[in-house]
Amino acid sequence: MARPPQGVSQAAWNRLSPFQQSVYRAACQIPRGQTRTYQWIAQRIKRPNAVRAVGNALHVNPFAPLVPCHRVVRADGTLGGFAQGVAAKRRLLQEESALKTA
C-alpha cells in the first residue's frame, strides 16, 4: 500500500486511482518556489503521452495545496488552468516566489 503525502489521510489516498496517486506523488516532488510542466509529470510517471490526463488529474486534486498542483504550468510557461482559478494559482506561485510579479 503506497503511503500518502504528508497531511493526507491513508483512507483518502486509497480512494484515488493508481494513476492519480502517481501524478500527485510527482507533483509533491516539485520544490517550493519552482514550477514544472504537465509534460514533466507525464515523463516522470513514465506515461509521456498522458499529458492531458495529468492535467485532468491535477484539476480534480482534492488535496491542494498539500499536493501542489499550482506548481504545474504549461510547456510554454503560461499558467494553464487551476480549479480555484488562474488568479489563485498566480497568487500561490507569487507567495512561493516561483512567479515574478510584473
N, C-alpha and C. Protein backbone atom coordinates (compact mmCIF):
# COMPACT_ATOMS: atom_id res chain seq x y z
N MET A 1 0.85 -1.18 0.00
CA MET A 1 0.00 0.00 0.00
C MET A 1 0.90 1.24 0.00
N ALA A 2 0.69 2.13 -0.95
CA ALA A 2 1.51 3.33 -1.07
C ALA A 2 1.14 4.33 0.02
N ARG A 3 2.17 4.95 0.56
CA ARG A 3 1.95 5.95 1.59
C ARG A 3 1.55 7.27 0.95
N PRO A 4 0.61 7.97 1.56
CA PRO A 4 0.20 9.26 1.01
C PRO A 4 1.19 10.36 1.37
N PRO A 5 1.12 11.50 0.70
CA PRO A 5 1.94 12.64 1.08
C PRO A 5 1.59 13.10 2.50
N GLN A 6 2.50 13.79 3.13
CA GLN A 6 2.29 14.28 4.48
C GLN A 6 1.03 15.14 4.53
N GLY A 7 0.19 14.89 5.50
CA GLY A 7 -1.04 15.66 5.68
C GLY A 7 -2.26 15.06 5.01
N VAL A 8 -2.07 14.01 4.22
CA VAL A 8 -3.18 13.35 3.52
C VAL A 8 -3.45 12.02 4.21
N SER A 9 -4.71 11.76 4.53
CA SER A 9 -5.03 10.52 5.23
C SER A 9 -4.89 9.32 4.30
N GLN A 10 -4.54 8.20 4.89
CA GLN A 10 -4.40 6.97 4.11
C GLN A 10 -5.74 6.59 3.47
N ALA A 11 -6.82 6.77 4.20
CA ALA A 11 -8.14 6.41 3.67
C ALA A 11 -8.47 7.25 2.43
N ALA A 12 -8.22 8.53 2.49
CA ALA A 12 -8.48 9.40 1.33
C ALA A 12 -7.57 9.04 0.17
N TRP A 13 -6.33 8.75 0.47
CA TRP A 13 -5.35 8.38 -0.57
C TRP A 13 -5.77 7.10 -1.28
N ASN A 14 -6.27 6.15 -0.51
CA ASN A 14 -6.66 4.85 -1.07
C ASN A 14 -7.86 4.96 -2.02
N ARG A 15 -8.63 6.03 -1.93
CA ARG A 15 -9.77 6.21 -2.82
C ARG A 15 -9.36 6.69 -4.21
N LEU A 16 -8.10 7.08 -4.37
CA LEU A 16 -7.61 7.57 -5.67
C LEU A 16 -7.24 6.40 -6.58
N SER A 17 -7.26 6.66 -7.86
CA SER A 17 -6.77 5.65 -8.81
C SER A 17 -5.24 5.60 -8.72
N PRO A 18 -4.63 4.50 -9.12
CA PRO A 18 -3.17 4.44 -9.15
C PRO A 18 -2.56 5.55 -10.01
N PHE A 19 -3.23 5.91 -11.10
CA PHE A 19 -2.73 6.99 -11.95
C PHE A 19 -2.72 8.32 -11.18
N GLN A 20 -3.82 8.63 -10.50
CA GLN A 20 -3.87 9.86 -9.71
C GLN A 20 -2.78 9.86 -8.64
N GLN A 21 -2.60 8.74 -7.97
CA GLN A 21 -1.56 8.67 -6.95
C GLN A 21 -0.20 8.97 -7.54
N SER A 22 0.09 8.42 -8.70
CA SER A 22 1.41 8.66 -9.30
C SER A 22 1.57 10.13 -9.70
N VAL A 23 0.52 10.73 -10.23
CA VAL A 23 0.57 12.15 -10.61
C VAL A 23 0.78 13.01 -9.36
N TYR A 24 0.04 12.74 -8.30
CA TYR A 24 0.15 13.56 -7.10
C TYR A 24 1.49 13.37 -6.41
N ARG A 25 2.02 12.15 -6.44
CA ARG A 25 3.37 11.93 -5.88
C ARG A 25 4.40 12.75 -6.65
N ALA A 26 4.29 12.76 -7.98
CA ALA A 26 5.22 13.54 -8.80
C ALA A 26 5.09 15.03 -8.51
N ALA A 27 3.86 15.52 -8.36
CA ALA A 27 3.66 16.94 -8.05
C ALA A 27 4.30 17.30 -6.72
N CYS A 28 4.27 16.38 -5.77
CA CYS A 28 4.87 16.63 -4.46
C CYS A 28 6.40 16.73 -4.54
N GLN A 29 6.99 16.28 -5.62
CA GLN A 29 8.45 16.37 -5.78
C GLN A 29 8.90 17.72 -6.31
N ILE A 30 7.97 18.58 -6.69
CA ILE A 30 8.33 19.90 -7.19
C ILE A 30 8.64 20.79 -5.99
N PRO A 31 9.87 21.29 -5.90
CA PRO A 31 10.23 22.11 -4.74
C PRO A 31 9.43 23.42 -4.67
N ARG A 32 9.20 23.86 -3.47
CA ARG A 32 8.56 25.16 -3.25
C ARG A 32 9.39 26.23 -3.96
N GLY A 33 8.71 27.14 -4.62
CA GLY A 33 9.41 28.21 -5.33
C GLY A 33 9.81 27.85 -6.74
N GLN A 34 9.44 26.64 -7.19
CA GLN A 34 9.76 26.21 -8.55
C GLN A 34 8.50 25.70 -9.23
N THR A 35 8.56 25.61 -10.55
CA THR A 35 7.45 25.04 -11.31
C THR A 35 7.99 23.95 -12.22
N ARG A 36 7.08 23.10 -12.67
CA ARG A 36 7.38 22.07 -13.66
C ARG A 36 6.19 22.03 -14.62
N THR A 37 6.37 21.36 -15.73
CA THR A 37 5.30 21.28 -16.72
C THR A 37 4.48 20.01 -16.56
N TYR A 38 3.32 20.02 -17.19
CA TYR A 38 2.49 18.82 -17.24
C TYR A 38 3.28 17.69 -17.91
N GLN A 39 4.05 18.05 -18.93
CA GLN A 39 4.88 17.06 -19.63
C GLN A 39 5.91 16.46 -18.69
N TRP A 40 6.50 17.27 -17.82
CA TRP A 40 7.49 16.79 -16.86
C TRP A 40 6.87 15.69 -15.99
N ILE A 41 5.65 15.95 -15.50
CA ILE A 41 4.99 14.94 -14.67
C ILE A 41 4.71 13.69 -15.50
N ALA A 42 4.20 13.86 -16.71
CA ALA A 42 3.90 12.70 -17.56
C ALA A 42 5.15 11.85 -17.78
N GLN A 43 6.27 12.49 -18.02
CA GLN A 43 7.52 11.75 -18.21
C GLN A 43 7.98 11.12 -16.91
N ARG A 44 7.83 11.85 -15.83
CA ARG A 44 8.26 11.36 -14.51
C ARG A 44 7.53 10.07 -14.12
N ILE A 45 6.26 9.98 -14.50
CA ILE A 45 5.48 8.79 -14.13
C ILE A 45 5.50 7.74 -15.24
N LYS A 46 6.38 7.98 -16.22
CA LYS A 46 6.59 7.04 -17.32
C LYS A 46 5.33 6.86 -18.18
N ARG A 47 4.61 7.95 -18.36
CA ARG A 47 3.43 7.99 -19.24
C ARG A 47 3.54 9.24 -20.12
N PRO A 48 4.57 9.32 -20.98
CA PRO A 48 4.86 10.56 -21.71
C PRO A 48 3.74 11.04 -22.62
N ASN A 49 2.83 10.18 -23.00
CA ASN A 49 1.71 10.60 -23.86
C ASN A 49 0.46 10.96 -23.07
N ALA A 50 0.57 11.00 -21.76
CA ALA A 50 -0.60 11.23 -20.91
C ALA A 50 -0.65 12.65 -20.35
N VAL A 51 -0.15 13.60 -21.12
CA VAL A 51 -0.09 14.98 -20.62
C VAL A 51 -1.48 15.50 -20.27
N ARG A 52 -2.44 15.29 -21.14
CA ARG A 52 -3.81 15.77 -20.88
C ARG A 52 -4.41 15.06 -19.67
N ALA A 53 -4.16 13.77 -19.53
CA ALA A 53 -4.66 13.03 -18.36
C ALA A 53 -4.03 13.55 -17.08
N VAL A 54 -2.76 13.93 -17.15
CA VAL A 54 -2.09 14.54 -15.99
C VAL A 54 -2.83 15.83 -15.61
N GLY A 55 -3.12 16.66 -16.59
CA GLY A 55 -3.85 17.90 -16.32
C GLY A 55 -5.21 17.64 -15.71
N ASN A 56 -5.90 16.64 -16.22
CA ASN A 56 -7.22 16.29 -15.66
C ASN A 56 -7.11 15.81 -14.22
N ALA A 57 -6.10 15.00 -13.94
CA ALA A 57 -5.91 14.51 -12.57
C ALA A 57 -5.61 15.67 -11.62
N LEU A 58 -4.77 16.60 -12.07
CA LEU A 58 -4.44 17.74 -11.22
C LEU A 58 -5.64 18.65 -11.03
N HIS A 59 -6.50 18.74 -12.03
CA HIS A 59 -7.68 19.61 -11.93
C HIS A 59 -8.63 19.14 -10.83
N VAL A 60 -8.68 17.85 -10.58
CA VAL A 60 -9.58 17.33 -9.54
C VAL A 60 -8.84 16.98 -8.25
N ASN A 61 -7.63 17.48 -8.09
CA ASN A 61 -6.81 17.23 -6.90
C ASN A 61 -7.57 17.67 -5.64
N PRO A 62 -7.95 16.73 -4.78
CA PRO A 62 -8.68 17.11 -3.57
C PRO A 62 -7.77 17.54 -2.42
N PHE A 63 -6.47 17.52 -2.63
CA PHE A 63 -5.52 17.78 -1.55
C PHE A 63 -4.72 19.07 -1.71
N ALA A 64 -5.13 19.93 -2.62
CA ALA A 64 -4.42 21.20 -2.81
C ALA A 64 -4.57 22.04 -1.54
N PRO A 65 -3.55 22.71 -1.09
CA PRO A 65 -2.20 22.81 -1.64
C PRO A 65 -1.22 21.79 -1.08
N LEU A 66 -1.69 20.81 -0.29
CA LEU A 66 -0.77 19.77 0.21
C LEU A 66 -0.10 19.04 -0.95
N VAL A 67 -0.88 18.76 -1.98
CA VAL A 67 -0.35 18.25 -3.24
C VAL A 67 -0.33 19.47 -4.16
N PRO A 68 0.85 20.04 -4.40
CA PRO A 68 0.96 21.38 -5.00
C PRO A 68 0.74 21.43 -6.51
N CYS A 69 -0.49 21.19 -6.93
CA CYS A 69 -0.79 21.22 -8.37
C CYS A 69 -0.61 22.62 -8.95
N HIS A 70 -0.61 23.65 -8.10
CA HIS A 70 -0.41 25.01 -8.59
C HIS A 70 1.00 25.22 -9.13
N ARG A 71 1.93 24.33 -8.84
CA ARG A 71 3.31 24.45 -9.33
C ARG A 71 3.49 23.87 -10.73
N VAL A 72 2.41 23.40 -11.32
CA VAL A 72 2.49 22.79 -12.65
C VAL A 72 1.96 23.78 -13.68
N VAL A 73 2.78 24.03 -14.70
CA VAL A 73 2.45 25.02 -15.74
C VAL A 73 2.52 24.38 -17.12
N ARG A 74 2.06 25.11 -18.11
CA ARG A 74 2.11 24.63 -19.49
C ARG A 74 3.55 24.63 -20.00
N ALA A 75 3.76 23.91 -21.08
CA ALA A 75 5.10 23.81 -21.67
C ALA A 75 5.64 25.16 -22.10
N ASP A 76 4.76 26.09 -22.47
CA ASP A 76 5.22 27.42 -22.90
C ASP A 76 5.42 28.38 -21.73
N GLY A 77 5.25 27.88 -20.51
CA GLY A 77 5.47 28.69 -19.32
C GLY A 77 4.25 29.43 -18.82
N THR A 78 3.16 29.43 -19.60
CA THR A 78 1.95 30.08 -19.11
C THR A 78 1.32 29.21 -18.02
N LEU A 79 0.48 29.84 -17.22
CA LEU A 79 -0.02 29.16 -16.03
C LEU A 79 -0.91 27.97 -16.30
N GLY A 80 -1.70 28.01 -17.34
CA GLY A 80 -2.64 26.91 -17.56
C GLY A 80 -3.80 27.02 -16.60
N GLY A 81 -4.56 25.97 -16.46
CA GLY A 81 -5.75 26.00 -15.63
C GLY A 81 -5.47 25.75 -14.16
N PHE A 82 -6.50 25.98 -13.37
CA PHE A 82 -6.43 25.74 -11.93
C PHE A 82 -7.86 25.71 -11.44
N ALA A 83 -8.22 24.71 -10.68
CA ALA A 83 -9.61 24.54 -10.25
C ALA A 83 -10.13 25.76 -9.48
N GLN A 84 -9.28 26.41 -8.71
CA GLN A 84 -9.69 27.58 -7.94
C GLN A 84 -9.54 28.88 -8.74
N GLY A 85 -9.15 28.77 -10.00
CA GLY A 85 -8.99 29.94 -10.85
C GLY A 85 -7.53 30.31 -11.04
N VAL A 86 -7.24 30.87 -12.20
CA VAL A 86 -5.85 31.22 -12.53
C VAL A 86 -5.32 32.31 -11.60
N ALA A 87 -6.18 33.23 -11.16
CA ALA A 87 -5.73 34.28 -10.23
C ALA A 87 -5.23 33.66 -8.93
N ALA A 88 -5.91 32.63 -8.44
CA ALA A 88 -5.47 31.95 -7.22
C ALA A 88 -4.15 31.23 -7.45
N LYS A 89 -3.99 30.62 -8.62
CA LYS A 89 -2.73 29.94 -8.95
C LYS A 89 -1.59 30.96 -8.99
N ARG A 90 -1.83 32.09 -9.63
CA ARG A 90 -0.82 33.15 -9.71
C ARG A 90 -0.42 33.62 -8.31
N ARG A 91 -1.42 33.83 -7.45
CA ARG A 91 -1.14 34.30 -6.08
C ARG A 91 -0.30 33.28 -5.31
N LEU A 92 -0.66 32.00 -5.40
CA LEU A 92 0.11 30.96 -4.70
C LEU A 92 1.56 30.93 -5.19
N LEU A 93 1.75 31.02 -6.49
CA LEU A 93 3.11 31.00 -7.04
C LEU A 93 3.89 32.24 -6.63
N GLN A 94 3.23 33.39 -6.60
CA GLN A 94 3.90 34.61 -6.16
C GLN A 94 4.30 34.50 -4.70
N GLU A 95 3.44 33.93 -3.87
CA GLU A 95 3.76 33.73 -2.46
C GLU A 95 4.97 32.83 -2.29
N GLU A 96 5.15 31.89 -3.20
CA GLU A 96 6.29 30.97 -3.14
C GLU A 96 7.49 31.51 -3.90
N SER A 97 7.37 32.69 -4.48
CA SER A 97 8.43 33.31 -5.29
C SER A 97 8.76 32.49 -6.53
N ALA A 98 7.80 31.74 -7.03
CA ALA A 98 8.02 30.95 -8.24
C ALA A 98 7.59 31.72 -9.47
N LEU A 99 6.94 32.85 -9.26
CA LEU A 99 6.43 33.65 -10.37
C LEU A 99 6.83 35.08 -10.12
N LYS A 100 7.46 35.68 -11.09
CA LYS A 100 7.87 37.08 -10.98
C LYS A 100 6.65 37.97 -11.16
N THR A 101 6.55 38.98 -10.33
CA THR A 101 5.45 39.93 -10.49
C THR A 101 5.83 40.95 -11.55
N ALA A 102 4.85 41.41 -12.29
CA ALA A 102 5.10 42.36 -13.38
C ALA A 102 5.19 43.77 -12.85
